Amino acid sequence: MSLESQMIDLQTRLAFQDDTIQALNDVVVEQGRVIDRLQLQMAELIKRYEDMVGQYGSEGEEAPPPHY
């Protein structure tokens, strides 16, 4: 294999690697956005849960059923 063909092969591989790295980076960025959105949703759910528990009392303070 000549030096020129080896250089062409290396340049081709580098171009494919650059494309792959960019594609992987795009996926990582999108996953970061999804994680951020899920964290915000989780915080909102926790807040709603705590508000509901505050309104209705905790499970340990539940009154006995009326038939007792």
PDB file of N, CA and C in Angstrom:
ATOM      1  N   MET A   1       0.853  -1.168   0.000  1.00  0.00           N
ATOM      2  CA  MET A   1       0.000   0.000   0.000  1.00  0.00           C
ATOM      3  C   MET A   1       0.906   1.240   0.000  1.00  0.00           C
ATOM      4  N   SER A   2       0.611   2.144  -0.887  1.00  0.00           N
ATOM      5  CA  SER A   2       1.454   3.326  -1.013  1.00  0.00           C
ATOM      6  C   SER A   2       1.147   4.315   0.106  1.00  0.00           C
ATOM      7  N   LEU A   3       2.056   5.228   0.278  1.00  0.00           N
ATOM      8  CA  LEU A   3       1.901   6.253   1.306  1.00  0.00           C
ATOM      9  C   LEU A   3       0.675   7.113   1.031  1.00  0.00           C
ATOM     10  N   GLU A   4       0.451   7.406  -0.242  1.00  0.00           N
ATOM     11  CA  GLU A   4      -0.700   8.224  -0.602  1.00  0.00           C
ATOM     12  C   GLU A   4      -2.016   7.513  -0.267  1.00  0.00           C
ATOM     13  N   SER A   5      -2.124   6.242  -0.555  1.00  0.00           N
ATOM     14  CA  SER A   5      -3.352   5.500  -0.245  1.00  0.00           C
ATOM     15  C   SER A   5      -3.545   5.361   1.265  1.00  0.00           C
ATOM     16  N   GLN A   6      -2.446   5.240   2.002  1.00  0.00           N
ATOM     17  CA  GLN A   6      -2.543   5.194   3.458  1.00  0.00           C
ATOM     18  C   GLN A   6      -3.064   6.519   4.004  1.00  0.00           C
ATOM     19  N   MET A   7      -2.602   7.627   3.453  1.00  0.00           N
ATOM     20  CA  MET A   7      -3.065   8.947   3.882  1.00  0.00           C
ATOM     21  C   MET A   7      -4.553   9.119   3.574  1.00  0.00           C
ATOM     22  N   ILE A   8      -4.966   8.699   2.400  1.00  0.00           N
ATOM     23  CA  ILE A   8      -6.378   8.795   2.021  1.00  0.00           C
ATOM     24  C   ILE A   8      -7.230   7.960   2.965  1.00  0.00           C
ATOM     25  N   ASP A   9      -6.749   6.761   3.291  1.00  0.00           N
ATOM     26  CA  ASP A   9      -7.464   5.884   4.216  1.00  0.00           C
ATOM     27  C   ASP A   9      -7.595   6.536   5.592  1.00  0.00           C
ATOM     28  N   LEU A  10      -6.508   7.108   6.079  1.00  0.00           N
ATOM     29  CA  LEU A  10      -6.537   7.773   7.390  1.00  0.00           C
ATOM     30  C   LEU A  10      -7.461   8.986   7.377  1.00  0.00           C
ATOM     31  N   GLN A  11      -7.440   9.769   6.310  1.00  0.00           N
ATOM     32  CA  GLN A  11      -8.315  10.933   6.212  1.00  0.00           C
ATOM     33  C   GLN A  11      -9.783  10.510   6.156  1.00  0.00           C
ATOM     34  N   THR A  12     -10.061   9.425   5.468  1.00  0.00           N
ATOM     35  CA  THR A  12     -11.438   8.907   5.393  1.00  0.00           C
ATOM     36  C   THR A  12     -11.910   8.456   6.767  1.00  0.00           C
ATOM     37  N   ARG A  13     -11.054   7.725   7.458  1.00  0.00           N
ATOM     38  CA  ARG A  13     -11.411   7.275   8.808  1.00  0.00           C
ATOM     39  C   ARG A  13     -11.638   8.464   9.746  1.00  0.00           C
ATOM     40  N   LEU A  14     -10.797   9.462   9.643  1.00  0.00           N
ATOM     41  CA  LEU A  14     -10.930  10.647  10.489  1.00  0.00           C
ATOM     42  C   LEU A  14     -12.258  11.359  10.215  1.00  0.00           C
ATOM     43  N   ALA A  15     -12.638  11.450   8.954  1.00  0.00           N
ATOM     44  CA  ALA A  15     -13.901  12.102   8.611  1.00  0.00           C
ATOM     45  C   ALA A  15     -15.078  11.332   9.211  1.00  0.00           C
ATOM     46  N   PHE A  16     -15.050  10.006   9.116  1.00  0.00           N
ATOM     47  CA  PHE A  16     -16.125   9.196   9.697  1.00  0.00           C
ATOM     48  C   PHE A  16     -16.141   9.315  11.220  1.00  0.00           C
ATOM     49  N   GLN A  17     -14.968   9.366  11.824  1.00  0.00           N
ATOM     50  CA  GLN A  17     -14.901   9.517  13.274  1.00  0.00           C
ATOM     51  C   GLN A  17     -15.445  10.877  13.706  1.00  0.00           C
ATOM     52  N   ASP A  18     -15.138  11.911  12.958  1.00  0.00           N
ATOM     53  CA  ASP A  18     -15.673  13.236  13.268  1.00  0.00           C
ATOM     54  C   ASP A  18     -17.194  13.234  13.203  1.00  0.00           C
ATOM     55  N   ASP A  19     -17.747  12.596  12.184  1.00  0.00           N
ATOM     56  CA  ASP A  19     -19.210  12.507  12.056  1.00  0.00           C
ATOM     57  C   ASP A  19     -19.812  11.736  13.223  1.00  0.00           C
ATOM     58  N   THR A  20     -19.168  10.638  13.605  1.00  0.00           N
ATOM     59  CA  THR A  20     -19.668   9.821  14.715  1.00  0.00           C
ATOM     60  C   THR A  20     -19.609  10.596  16.027  1.00  0.00           C
ATOM     61  N   ILE A  21     -18.520  11.299  16.261  1.00  0.00           N
ATOM     62  CA  ILE A  21     -18.381  12.094  17.488  1.00  0.00           C
ATOM     63  C   ILE A  21     -19.451  13.175  17.543  1.00  0.00           C
ATOM     64  N   GLN A  22     -19.716  13.828  16.419  1.00  0.00           N
ATOM     65  CA  GLN A  22     -20.745  14.874  16.388  1.00  0.00           C
ATOM     66  C   GLN A  22     -22.125  14.275  16.661  1.00  0.00           C
ATOM     67  N   ALA A  23     -22.408  13.119  16.071  1.00  0.00           N
ATOM     68  CA  ALA A  23     -23.701  12.465  16.303  1.00  0.00           C
ATOM     69  C   ALA A  23     -23.850  12.076  17.773  1.00  0.00           C
ATOM     70  N   LEU A  24     -22.799  11.533  18.363  1.00  0.00           N
ATOM     71  CA  LEU A  24     -22.838  11.168  19.781  1.00  0.00           C
ATOM     72  C   LEU A  24     -23.006  12.405  20.658  1.00  0.00           C
ATOM     73  N   ASN A  25     -22.345  13.484  20.321  1.00  0.00           N
ATOM     74  CA  ASN A  25     -22.481  14.718  21.077  1.00  0.00           C
ATOM     75  C   ASN A  25     -23.915  15.239  21.018  1.00  0.00           C
ATOM     76  N   ASP A  26     -24.522  15.167  19.833  1.00  0.00           N
ATOM     77  CA  ASP A  26     -25.914  15.600  19.701  1.00  0.00           C
ATOM     78  C   ASP A  26     -26.836  14.787  20.605  1.00  0.00           C
ATOM     79  N   VAL A  27     -26.592  13.487  20.689  1.00  0.00           N
ATOM     80  CA  VAL A  27     -27.404  12.624  21.551  1.00  0.00           C
ATOM     81  C   VAL A  27     -27.202  12.992  23.018  1.00  0.00           C
ATOM     82  N   VAL A  28     -25.967  13.231  23.409  1.00  0.00           N
ATOM     83  CA  VAL A  28     -25.674  13.588  24.800  1.00  0.00           C
ATOM     84  C   VAL A  28     -26.338  14.916  25.170  1.00  0.00           C
ATOM     85  N   VAL A  29     -26.295  15.879  24.275  1.00  0.00           N
ATOM     86  CA  VAL A  29     -26.926  17.178  24.536  1.00  0.00           C
ATOM     87  C   VAL A  29     -28.432  17.003  24.699  1.00  0.00           C
ATOM     88  N   GLU A  30     -29.048  16.225  23.813  1.00  0.00           N
ATOM     89  CA  GLU A  30     -30.498  15.997  23.903  1.00  0.00           C
ATOM     90  C   GLU A  30     -30.854  15.261  25.189  1.00  0.00           C
ATOM     91  N   GLN A  31     -30.058  14.279  25.574  1.00  0.00           N
ATOM     92  CA  GLN A  31     -30.317  13.562  26.823  1.00  0.00           C
ATOM     93  C   GLN A  31     -30.187  14.500  28.018  1.00  0.00           C
ATOM     94  N   GLY A  32     -29.251  15.424  27.972  1.00  0.00           N
ATOM     95  CA  GLY A  32     -29.119  16.408  29.042  1.00  0.00           C
ATOM     96  C   GLY A  32     -30.374  17.260  29.165  1.00  0.00           C
ATOM     97  N   ARG A  33     -30.933  17.650  28.023  1.00  0.00           N
ATOM     98  CA  ARG A  33     -32.178  18.430  28.046  1.00  0.00           C
ATOM     99  C   ARG A  33     -33.325  17.613  28.635  1.00  0.00           C
ATOM    100  N   VAL A  34     -33.395  16.349  28.241  1.00  0.00           N
ATOM    101  CA  VAL A  34     -34.456  15.478  28.760  1.00  0.00           C
ATOM    102  C   VAL A  34     -34.303  15.312  30.267  1.00  0.00           C
ATOM    103  N   ILE A  35     -33.087  15.105  30.728  1.00  0.00           N
ATOM    104  CA  ILE A  35     -32.842  14.944  32.167  1.00  0.00           C
ATOM    105  C   ILE A  35     -33.242  16.201  32.918  1.00  0.00           C
ATOM    106  N   ASP A  36     -32.886  17.357  32.384  1.00  0.00           N
ATOM    107  CA  ASP A  36     -33.265  18.622  33.036  1.00  0.00           C
ATOM    108  C   ASP A  36     -34.783  18.744  33.139  1.00  0.00           C
ATOM    109  N   ARG A  37     -35.480  18.416  32.042  1.00  0.00           N
ATOM    110  CA  ARG A  37     -36.946  18.505  32.041  1.00  0.00           C
ATOM    111  C   ARG A  37     -37.553  17.511  33.037  1.00  0.00           C
ATOM    112  N   LEU A  38     -37.004  16.301  33.096  1.00  0.00           N
ATOM    113  CA  LEU A  38     -37.509  15.303  34.036  1.00  0.00           C
ATOM    114  C   LEU A  38     -37.259  15.716  35.485  1.00  0.00           C
ATOM    115  N   GLN A  39     -36.128  16.353  35.739  1.00  0.00           N
ATOM    116  CA  GLN A  39     -35.847  16.822  37.099  1.00  0.00           C
ATOM    117  C   GLN A  39     -36.844  17.892  37.518  1.00  0.00           C
ATOM    118  N   LEU A  40     -37.176  18.788  36.606  1.00  0.00           N
ATOM    119  CA  LEU A  40     -38.170  19.821  36.911  1.00  0.00           C
ATOM    120  C   LEU A  40     -39.547  19.196  37.171  1.00  0.00           C
ATOM    121  N   GLN A  41     -39.912  18.219  36.351  1.00  0.00           N
ATOM    122  CA  GLN A  41     -41.194  17.542  36.541  1.00  0.00           C
ATOM    123  C   GLN A  41     -41.220  16.793  37.872  1.00  0.00           C
ATOM    124  N   MET A  42     -40.126  16.154  38.209  1.00  0.00           N
ATOM    125  CA  MET A  42     -40.051  15.413  39.466  1.00  0.00           C
ATOM    126  C   MET A  42     -40.168  16.367  40.659  1.00  0.00           C
ATOM    127  N   ALA A  43     -39.508  17.502  40.583  1.00  0.00           N
ATOM    128  CA  ALA A  43     -39.594  18.482  41.665  1.00  0.00           C
ATOM    129  C   ALA A  43     -41.033  18.974  41.817  1.00  0.00           C
ATOM    130  N   GLU A  44     -41.716  19.195  40.698  1.00  0.00           N
ATOM    131  CA  GLU A  44     -43.115  19.631  40.751  1.00  0.00           C
ATOM    132  C   GLU A  44     -44.004  18.544  41.358  1.00  0.00           C
ATOM    133  N   LEU A  45     -43.769  17.295  40.995  1.00  0.00           N
ATOM    134  CA  LEU A  45     -44.554  16.197  41.572  1.00  0.00           C
ATOM    135  C   LEU A  45     -44.317  16.069  43.076  1.00  0.00           C
ATOM    136  N   ILE A  46     -43.080  16.217  43.497  1.00  0.00           N
ATOM    137  CA  ILE A  46     -42.770  16.146  44.930  1.00  0.00           C
ATOM    138  C   ILE A  46     -43.483  17.281  45.666  1.00  0.00           C
ATOM    139  N   LYS A  47     -43.470  18.478  45.084  1.00  0.00           N
ATOM    140  CA  LYS A  47     -44.142  19.612  45.705  1.00  0.00           C
ATOM    141  C   LYS A  47     -45.641  19.356  45.812  1.00  0.00           C
ATOM    142  N   ARG A  48     -46.233  18.840  44.746  1.00  0.00           N
ATOM    143  CA  ARG A  48     -47.673  18.538  44.782  1.00  0.00           C
ATOM    144  C   ARG A  48     -47.987  17.470  45.822  1.00  0.00           C
ATOM    145  N   TYR A  49     -47.133  16.450  45.901  1.00  0.00           N
ATOM    146  CA  TYR A  49     -47.335  15.388  46.885  1.00  0.00           C
ATOM    147  C   TYR A  49     -47.272  15.960  48.302  1.00  0.00           C
ATOM    148  N   GLU A  50     -46.264  16.788  48.558  1.00  0.00           N
ATOM    149  CA  GLU A  50     -46.129  17.367  49.897  1.00  0.00           C
ATOM    150  C   GLU A  50     -47.312  18.269  50.227  1.00  0.00           C
ATOM    151  N   ASP A  51     -47.827  18.998  49.228  1.00  0.00           N
ATOM    152  CA  ASP A  51     -49.010  19.823  49.449  1.00  0.00           C
ATOM    153  C   ASP A  51     -50.226  18.960  49.781  1.00  0.00           C
ATOM    154  N   MET A  52     -50.374  17.847  49.079  1.00  0.00           N
ATOM    155  CA  MET A  52     -51.507  16.952  49.336  1.00  0.00           C
ATOM    156  C   MET A  52     -51.410  16.324  50.718  1.00  0.00           C
ATOM    157  N   VAL A  53     -50.218  15.906  51.100  1.00  0.00           N
ATOM    158  CA  VAL A  53     -50.032  15.317  52.423  1.00  0.00           C
ATOM    159  C   VAL A  53     -50.331  16.361  53.486  1.00  0.00           C
ATOM    160  N   GLY A  54     -49.935  17.585  53.240  1.00  0.00           N
ATOM    161  CA  GLY A  54     -50.213  18.656  54.194  1.00  0.00           C
ATOM    162  C   GLY A  54     -51.699  18.937  54.323  1.00  0.00           C
ATOM    163  N   GLN A  55     -52.438  18.790  53.250  1.00  0.00           N
ATOM    164  CA  GLN A  55     -53.878  19.037  53.285  1.00  0.00           C
ATOM    165  C   GLN A  55     -54.636  17.914  53.974  1.00  0.00           C
ATOM    166  N   TYR A  56     -54.239  16.688  53.709  1.00  0.00           N
ATOM    167  CA  TYR A  56     -54.994  15.540  54.197  1.00  0.00           C
ATOM    168  C   TYR A  56     -54.365  14.859  55.399  1.00  0.00           C
ATOM    169  N   GLY A  57     -53.248  15.323  55.842  1.00  0.00           N
ATOM    170  CA  GLY A  57     -52.566  14.708  56.972  1.00  0.00           C
ATOM    171  C   GLY A  57     -51.752  13.520  56.496  1.00  0.00           C
ATOM    172  N   SER A  58     -50.883  13.045  57.345  1.00  0.00           N
ATOM    173  CA  SER A  58     -50.056  11.902  56.964  1.00  0.00           C
ATOM    174  C   SER A  58     -50.818  10.614  57.203  1.00  0.00           C
ATOM    175  N   GLU A  59     -50.299   9.531  56.665  1.00  0.00           N
ATOM    176  CA  GLU A  59     -50.970   8.235  56.776  1.00  0.00           C
ATOM    177  C   GLU A  59     -51.071   7.760  58.222  1.00  0.00           C
ATOM    178  N   GLY A  60     -50.130   8.130  59.073  1.00  0.00           N
ATOM    179  CA  GLY A  60     -50.139   7.707  60.462  1.00  0.00           C
ATOM    180  C   GLY A  60     -51.249   8.368  61.270  1.00  0.00           C
ATOM    181  N   GLU A  61     -51.778   9.481  60.833  1.00  0.00           N
ATOM    182  CA  GLU A  61     -52.810  10.210  61.565  1.00  0.00           C
ATOM    183  C   GLU A  61     -54.202   9.907  61.029  1.00  0.00           C
ATOM    184  N   GLU A  62     -54.326   8.874  60.254  1.00  0.00           N
ATOM    185  CA  GLU A  62     -55.610   8.546  59.648  1.00  0.00           C
ATOM    186  C   GLU A  62     -56.624   8.139  60.706  1.00  0.00           C
ATOM    187  N   ALA A  63     -57.836   8.647  60.589  1.00  0.00           N
ATOM    188  CA  ALA A  63     -58.890   8.295  61.525  1.00  0.00           C
ATOM    189  C   ALA A  63     -59.387   6.884  61.224  1.00  0.00           C
ATOM    190  N   PRO A  64     -59.877   6.186  62.259  1.00  0.00           N
ATOM    191  CA  PRO A  64     -60.386   4.836  62.000  1.00  0.00           C
ATOM    192  C   PRO A  64     -61.657   4.912  61.133  1.00  0.00           C
ATOM    193  N   PRO A  65     -61.958   3.855  60.411  1.00  0.00           N
ATOM    194  CA  PRO A  65     -63.156   3.857  59.579  1.00  0.00           C
ATOM    195  C   PRO A  65     -64.412   4.041  60.439  1.00  0.00           C
ATOM    196  N   PRO A  66     -65.514   4.526  59.876  1.00  0.00           N
ATOM    197  CA  PRO A  66     -66.702   4.839  60.644  1.00  0.00           C
ATOM    198  C   PRO A  66     -67.361   3.636  61.322  1.00  0.00           C
ATOM    199  N   HIS A  67     -67.126   2.429  60.877  1.00  0.00           N
ATOM    200  CA  HIS A  67     -67.783   1.265  61.469  1.00  0.00           C
ATOM    201  C   HIS A  67     -67.140   0.816  62.773  1.00  0.00           C
ATOM    202  N   TYR A  68     -66.086   1.456  63.253  1.00  0.00           N
ATOM    203  CA  TYR A  68     -65.465   1.088  64.520  1.00  0.00           C
ATOM    204  C   TYR A  68     -66.092   1.830  65.669  1.00  0.00           C
TER     205      TYR A  68
END
